[in-house]
Amino acid sequence: FTLLPDPAHASHTVTAAWVPDELDWKVFNGEAKRRGLVLAGGQGKLKGRIFRVGHLGSVEIEQILGAMAVLEEASLFVGRDVVPGAAVAAAQRAALAVLAVTSRDAAVTAGAPA
């Protein structure tokens, strides 16, 4: 999936992605919902062209990784050519990188050596 908008304008509360032309949004969304992930479709001229995932409030890394796993599983179910675990692994690497920076910054702020 291709994310939108440009990361410089990304929201802190919702992430949107383009629905590929060959993907049947209704089938994909139904499969994601069956697996416990609620996605919001596009509205107006973007109906059927994008989907949105909310992440407002306290969202744990494990919840994000679970959502990524469901997106992969639903993609496989509808016949998309994805590598199982690839998106989950990429999300986990990104999260760990952020946590490492956050932990280092907290230690420096507390007076510990960097």
N, C-alpha and C. Protein backbone atom coordinates (compact mmCIF):
# COMPACT_ATOMS: atom_id res chain seq x y z
N PHE A 1 0.84 -1.18 0.00
CA PHE A 1 0.00 0.00 0.00
C PHE A 1 0.88 1.24 0.00
N THR A 2 0.44 2.25 -0.69
CA THR A 2 1.14 3.52 -0.71
C THR A 2 0.43 4.48 0.24
N LEU A 3 1.20 5.04 1.17
CA LEU A 3 0.61 5.95 2.15
C LEU A 3 0.42 7.33 1.55
N LEU A 4 -0.51 8.07 2.13
CA LEU A 4 -0.71 9.46 1.77
C LEU A 4 -1.06 10.22 3.02
N PRO A 5 -0.83 11.47 3.11
CA PRO A 5 -0.13 12.32 2.16
C PRO A 5 1.38 12.18 2.34
N ASP A 6 2.08 13.15 1.81
CA ASP A 6 3.51 13.24 2.02
C ASP A 6 3.76 13.20 3.53
N PRO A 7 4.77 12.45 3.99
CA PRO A 7 5.03 12.35 5.44
C PRO A 7 5.17 13.70 6.14
N ALA A 8 5.58 14.72 5.44
CA ALA A 8 5.70 16.05 6.05
C ALA A 8 4.34 16.60 6.48
N HIS A 9 3.25 16.06 5.91
CA HIS A 9 1.91 16.54 6.22
C HIS A 9 1.06 15.46 6.89
N ALA A 10 1.69 14.40 7.38
CA ALA A 10 0.97 13.27 7.95
C ALA A 10 0.28 13.66 9.26
N SER A 11 -0.81 12.98 9.54
CA SER A 11 -1.58 13.20 10.76
C SER A 11 -1.02 12.34 11.88
N HIS A 12 -1.17 12.82 13.11
CA HIS A 12 -0.78 12.03 14.28
C HIS A 12 -1.92 11.12 14.75
N THR A 13 -3.08 11.22 14.13
CA THR A 13 -4.25 10.48 14.61
C THR A 13 -4.81 9.46 13.62
N VAL A 14 -4.42 9.56 12.36
CA VAL A 14 -4.95 8.64 11.35
C VAL A 14 -3.93 8.51 10.22
N THR A 15 -3.83 7.30 9.67
CA THR A 15 -2.97 7.06 8.52
C THR A 15 -3.86 6.59 7.37
N ALA A 16 -3.64 7.15 6.21
CA ALA A 16 -4.42 6.77 5.02
C ALA A 16 -3.51 6.13 4.00
N ALA A 17 -4.08 5.18 3.24
CA ALA A 17 -3.33 4.49 2.19
C ALA A 17 -4.21 4.34 0.96
N TRP A 18 -3.59 4.37 -0.20
CA TRP A 18 -4.30 4.16 -1.45
C TRP A 18 -4.71 2.70 -1.57
N VAL A 19 -5.91 2.46 -2.07
CA VAL A 19 -6.36 1.11 -2.40
C VAL A 19 -5.89 0.83 -3.82
N PRO A 20 -5.07 -0.20 -4.03
CA PRO A 20 -4.61 -0.50 -5.40
C PRO A 20 -5.80 -0.78 -6.32
N ASP A 21 -5.66 -0.42 -7.59
CA ASP A 21 -6.75 -0.58 -8.56
C ASP A 21 -7.26 -2.02 -8.63
N GLU A 22 -6.36 -2.99 -8.50
CA GLU A 22 -6.77 -4.39 -8.63
C GLU A 22 -7.39 -4.98 -7.37
N LEU A 23 -7.43 -4.21 -6.28
CA LEU A 23 -7.94 -4.71 -5.00
C LEU A 23 -9.43 -4.42 -4.86
N ASP A 24 -10.21 -5.45 -4.53
CA ASP A 24 -11.63 -5.27 -4.25
C ASP A 24 -11.75 -4.80 -2.80
N TRP A 25 -11.98 -3.49 -2.62
CA TRP A 25 -12.00 -2.88 -1.30
C TRP A 25 -13.00 -3.55 -0.37
N LYS A 26 -14.18 -3.85 -0.86
CA LYS A 26 -15.22 -4.42 0.01
C LYS A 26 -14.80 -5.79 0.55
N VAL A 27 -14.23 -6.62 -0.29
CA VAL A 27 -13.77 -7.95 0.15
C VAL A 27 -12.62 -7.80 1.14
N PHE A 28 -11.66 -6.94 0.80
CA PHE A 28 -10.50 -6.71 1.68
C PHE A 28 -10.95 -6.18 3.04
N ASN A 29 -11.79 -5.17 3.04
CA ASN A 29 -12.27 -4.57 4.27
C ASN A 29 -13.05 -5.59 5.11
N GLY A 30 -13.88 -6.39 4.46
CA GLY A 30 -14.62 -7.42 5.17
C GLY A 30 -13.70 -8.43 5.83
N GLU A 31 -12.63 -8.79 5.15
CA GLU A 31 -11.67 -9.74 5.72
C GLU A 31 -10.92 -9.12 6.89
N ALA A 32 -10.54 -7.87 6.77
CA ALA A 32 -9.86 -7.18 7.88
C ALA A 32 -10.79 -7.11 9.09
N LYS A 33 -12.06 -6.76 8.84
CA LYS A 33 -13.04 -6.66 9.93
C LYS A 33 -13.27 -8.01 10.58
N ARG A 34 -13.34 -9.07 9.79
CA ARG A 34 -13.53 -10.41 10.32
C ARG A 34 -12.38 -10.79 11.26
N ARG A 35 -11.21 -10.25 11.00
CA ARG A 35 -10.03 -10.52 11.81
C ARG A 35 -9.86 -9.52 12.95
N GLY A 36 -10.81 -8.60 13.10
CA GLY A 36 -10.80 -7.69 14.25
C GLY A 36 -10.21 -6.31 14.00
N LEU A 37 -9.89 -5.97 12.76
CA LEU A 37 -9.34 -4.65 12.45
C LEU A 37 -10.40 -3.81 11.74
N VAL A 38 -10.73 -2.69 12.33
CA VAL A 38 -11.72 -1.79 11.73
C VAL A 38 -10.99 -0.74 10.92
N LEU A 39 -11.29 -0.71 9.63
CA LEU A 39 -10.73 0.29 8.72
C LEU A 39 -11.84 1.22 8.28
N ALA A 40 -11.50 2.45 8.01
CA ALA A 40 -12.48 3.40 7.47
C ALA A 40 -12.15 3.61 6.00
N GLY A 41 -13.16 3.60 5.18
CA GLY A 41 -12.96 3.85 3.76
C GLY A 41 -12.84 5.34 3.48
N GLY A 42 -12.56 5.65 2.24
CA GLY A 42 -12.50 7.04 1.83
C GLY A 42 -13.90 7.63 1.74
N GLN A 43 -13.96 8.94 1.69
CA GLN A 43 -15.24 9.64 1.58
C GLN A 43 -15.23 10.50 0.32
N GLY A 44 -16.42 10.79 -0.18
CA GLY A 44 -16.54 11.64 -1.37
C GLY A 44 -15.79 11.06 -2.55
N LYS A 45 -14.95 11.90 -3.18
CA LYS A 45 -14.24 11.46 -4.37
C LYS A 45 -13.18 10.40 -4.07
N LEU A 46 -12.87 10.16 -2.79
CA LEU A 46 -11.89 9.14 -2.42
C LEU A 46 -12.54 7.82 -2.00
N LYS A 47 -13.88 7.74 -2.08
CA LYS A 47 -14.57 6.51 -1.72
C LYS A 47 -14.09 5.35 -2.61
N GLY A 48 -13.66 4.26 -1.96
CA GLY A 48 -13.17 3.11 -2.69
C GLY A 48 -11.74 3.25 -3.18
N ARG A 49 -11.15 4.42 -2.97
CA ARG A 49 -9.79 4.68 -3.46
C ARG A 49 -8.75 4.69 -2.35
N ILE A 50 -9.19 4.98 -1.09
CA ILE A 50 -8.27 4.97 0.04
C ILE A 50 -8.94 4.26 1.21
N PHE A 51 -8.12 3.87 2.19
CA PHE A 51 -8.65 3.45 3.48
C PHE A 51 -7.84 4.14 4.57
N ARG A 52 -8.45 4.22 5.75
CA ARG A 52 -7.83 4.92 6.86
C ARG A 52 -7.77 4.02 8.09
N VAL A 53 -6.68 4.16 8.83
CA VAL A 53 -6.48 3.45 10.09
C VAL A 53 -6.29 4.51 11.17
N GLY A 54 -7.15 4.48 12.19
CA GLY A 54 -7.04 5.44 13.28
C GLY A 54 -6.04 4.99 14.33
N HIS A 55 -5.34 5.97 14.91
CA HIS A 55 -4.42 5.68 16.00
C HIS A 55 -4.38 6.86 16.96
N LEU A 56 -5.58 7.28 17.35
CA LEU A 56 -5.74 8.39 18.28
C LEU A 56 -5.71 7.85 19.70
N GLY A 57 -5.04 8.56 20.57
CA GLY A 57 -5.00 8.16 21.98
C GLY A 57 -3.81 7.27 22.27
N SER A 58 -3.98 6.44 23.27
CA SER A 58 -2.90 5.56 23.71
C SER A 58 -2.90 4.29 22.88
N VAL A 59 -1.96 4.20 21.96
CA VAL A 59 -1.84 3.04 21.09
C VAL A 59 -0.48 2.40 21.37
N GLU A 60 -0.50 1.13 21.73
CA GLU A 60 0.72 0.40 22.05
C GLU A 60 1.35 -0.17 20.77
N ILE A 61 2.64 -0.37 20.81
CA ILE A 61 3.36 -0.93 19.67
C ILE A 61 2.76 -2.28 19.28
N GLU A 62 2.39 -3.08 20.28
CA GLU A 62 1.81 -4.39 20.00
C GLU A 62 0.52 -4.28 19.19
N GLN A 63 -0.26 -3.23 19.43
CA GLN A 63 -1.49 -3.01 18.67
C GLN A 63 -1.17 -2.64 17.22
N ILE A 64 -0.15 -1.85 17.03
CA ILE A 64 0.25 -1.47 15.68
C ILE A 64 0.75 -2.70 14.93
N LEU A 65 1.57 -3.50 15.58
CA LEU A 65 2.08 -4.71 14.93
C LEU A 65 0.94 -5.68 14.62
N GLY A 66 -0.03 -5.75 15.52
CA GLY A 66 -1.20 -6.60 15.26
C GLY A 66 -1.99 -6.12 14.06
N ALA A 67 -2.17 -4.80 13.95
CA ALA A 67 -2.88 -4.24 12.80
C ALA A 67 -2.13 -4.53 11.51
N MET A 68 -0.82 -4.40 11.55
CA MET A 68 -0.01 -4.69 10.36
C MET A 68 -0.16 -6.16 9.97
N ALA A 69 -0.18 -7.04 10.96
CA ALA A 69 -0.34 -8.47 10.68
C ALA A 69 -1.68 -8.74 10.01
N VAL A 70 -2.74 -8.09 10.49
CA VAL A 70 -4.06 -8.28 9.88
C VAL A 70 -4.07 -7.75 8.45
N LEU A 71 -3.44 -6.62 8.20
CA LEU A 71 -3.37 -6.10 6.83
C LEU A 71 -2.66 -7.10 5.92
N GLU A 72 -1.59 -7.71 6.42
CA GLU A 72 -0.90 -8.73 5.63
C GLU A 72 -1.80 -9.95 5.38
N GLU A 73 -2.45 -10.42 6.44
CA GLU A 73 -3.30 -11.61 6.32
C GLU A 73 -4.45 -11.36 5.36
N ALA A 74 -5.11 -10.20 5.48
CA ALA A 74 -6.21 -9.87 4.58
C ALA A 74 -5.71 -9.74 3.15
N SER A 75 -4.52 -9.19 2.99
CA SER A 75 -3.93 -9.07 1.65
C SER A 75 -3.70 -10.44 1.04
N LEU A 76 -3.16 -11.34 1.82
CA LEU A 76 -2.94 -12.71 1.33
C LEU A 76 -4.26 -13.38 0.98
N PHE A 77 -5.28 -13.15 1.81
CA PHE A 77 -6.60 -13.76 1.59
C PHE A 77 -7.18 -13.34 0.25
N VAL A 78 -6.98 -12.07 -0.13
CA VAL A 78 -7.55 -11.57 -1.39
C VAL A 78 -6.60 -11.76 -2.57
N GLY A 79 -5.48 -12.45 -2.33
CA GLY A 79 -4.59 -12.80 -3.43
C GLY A 79 -3.50 -11.80 -3.77
N ARG A 80 -3.24 -10.85 -2.89
CA ARG A 80 -2.15 -9.91 -3.16
C ARG A 80 -0.82 -10.60 -2.97
N ASP A 81 0.15 -10.19 -3.72
CA ASP A 81 1.49 -10.77 -3.65
C ASP A 81 2.28 -10.05 -2.56
N VAL A 82 2.18 -10.55 -1.33
CA VAL A 82 2.91 -9.98 -0.20
C VAL A 82 3.75 -11.07 0.45
N VAL A 83 4.82 -10.66 1.08
CA VAL A 83 5.67 -11.59 1.82
C VAL A 83 5.18 -11.60 3.26
N PRO A 84 4.66 -12.74 3.73
CA PRO A 84 4.15 -12.79 5.11
C PRO A 84 5.22 -12.36 6.12
N GLY A 85 4.83 -11.44 6.98
CA GLY A 85 5.73 -10.97 8.03
C GLY A 85 6.58 -9.77 7.67
N ALA A 86 6.66 -9.42 6.39
CA ALA A 86 7.54 -8.33 5.97
C ALA A 86 7.10 -6.98 6.52
N ALA A 87 5.81 -6.69 6.45
CA ALA A 87 5.31 -5.40 6.95
C ALA A 87 5.41 -5.33 8.47
N VAL A 88 5.12 -6.43 9.13
CA VAL A 88 5.21 -6.48 10.59
C VAL A 88 6.66 -6.24 11.01
N ALA A 89 7.59 -6.90 10.34
CA ALA A 89 9.01 -6.74 10.67
C ALA A 89 9.47 -5.30 10.44
N ALA A 90 9.04 -4.69 9.35
CA ALA A 90 9.44 -3.31 9.06
C ALA A 90 8.87 -2.36 10.12
N ALA A 91 7.62 -2.58 10.52
CA ALA A 91 7.01 -1.74 11.56
C ALA A 91 7.72 -1.92 12.89
N GLN A 92 8.10 -3.15 13.21
CA GLN A 92 8.80 -3.39 14.47
C GLN A 92 10.18 -2.74 14.45
N ARG A 93 10.89 -2.83 13.34
CA ARG A 93 12.21 -2.17 13.25
C ARG A 93 12.06 -0.65 13.44
N ALA A 94 11.06 -0.06 12.81
CA ALA A 94 10.83 1.37 12.95
C ALA A 94 10.50 1.74 14.39
N ALA A 95 9.65 0.95 15.02
CA ALA A 95 9.27 1.22 16.41
C ALA A 95 10.48 1.10 17.34
N LEU A 96 11.29 0.08 17.14
CA LEU A 96 12.47 -0.11 17.99
C LEU A 96 13.47 1.02 17.80
N ALA A 97 13.59 1.53 16.58
CA ALA A 97 14.49 2.65 16.33
C ALA A 97 14.01 3.90 17.07
N VAL A 98 12.71 4.14 17.06
CA VAL A 98 12.14 5.28 17.78
C VAL A 98 12.33 5.10 19.28
N LEU A 99 12.08 3.90 19.77
CA LEU A 99 12.25 3.63 21.20
C LEU A 99 13.70 3.82 21.64
N ALA A 100 14.65 3.42 20.82
CA ALA A 100 16.06 3.58 21.16
C ALA A 100 16.42 5.05 21.27
N VAL A 101 15.94 5.86 20.34
CA VAL A 101 16.20 7.30 20.39
C VAL A 101 15.52 7.91 21.60
N THR A 102 14.27 7.53 21.87
CA THR A 102 13.53 8.07 23.01
C THR A 102 14.22 7.69 24.32
N SER A 103 14.66 6.44 24.44
CA SER A 103 15.33 5.99 25.66
C SER A 103 16.64 6.72 25.86
N ARG A 104 17.41 6.91 24.78
CA ARG A 104 18.68 7.63 24.87
C ARG A 104 18.44 9.07 25.30
N ASP A 105 17.44 9.73 24.69
CA ASP A 105 17.13 11.11 25.03
C ASP A 105 16.69 11.24 26.48
N ALA A 106 15.89 10.29 26.96
CA ALA A 106 15.42 10.31 28.35
C ALA A 106 16.60 10.15 29.30
N ALA A 107 17.54 9.27 28.96
CA ALA A 107 18.71 9.05 29.81
C ALA A 107 19.57 10.30 29.87
N VAL A 108 19.77 10.97 28.74
CA VAL A 108 20.56 12.20 28.71
C VAL A 108 19.88 13.28 29.54
N THR A 109 18.57 13.41 29.41
CA THR A 109 17.80 14.39 30.17
C THR A 109 17.93 14.12 31.66
N ALA A 110 17.97 12.85 32.05
CA ALA A 110 18.07 12.48 33.46
C ALA A 110 19.51 12.58 33.99
N GLY A 111 20.47 12.91 33.11
CA GLY A 111 21.84 13.07 33.54
C GLY A 111 22.72 11.86 33.32
N ALA A 112 22.19 10.80 32.75
CA ALA A 112 23.00 9.60 32.46
C ALA A 112 23.85 9.86 31.22
N PRO A 113 25.00 9.22 31.11
CA PRO A 113 25.81 9.40 29.89
C PRO A 113 25.10 8.84 28.66
N ALA A 114 25.25 9.50 27.55
CA ALA A 114 24.60 9.08 26.31
C ALA A 114 25.25 7.87 25.71
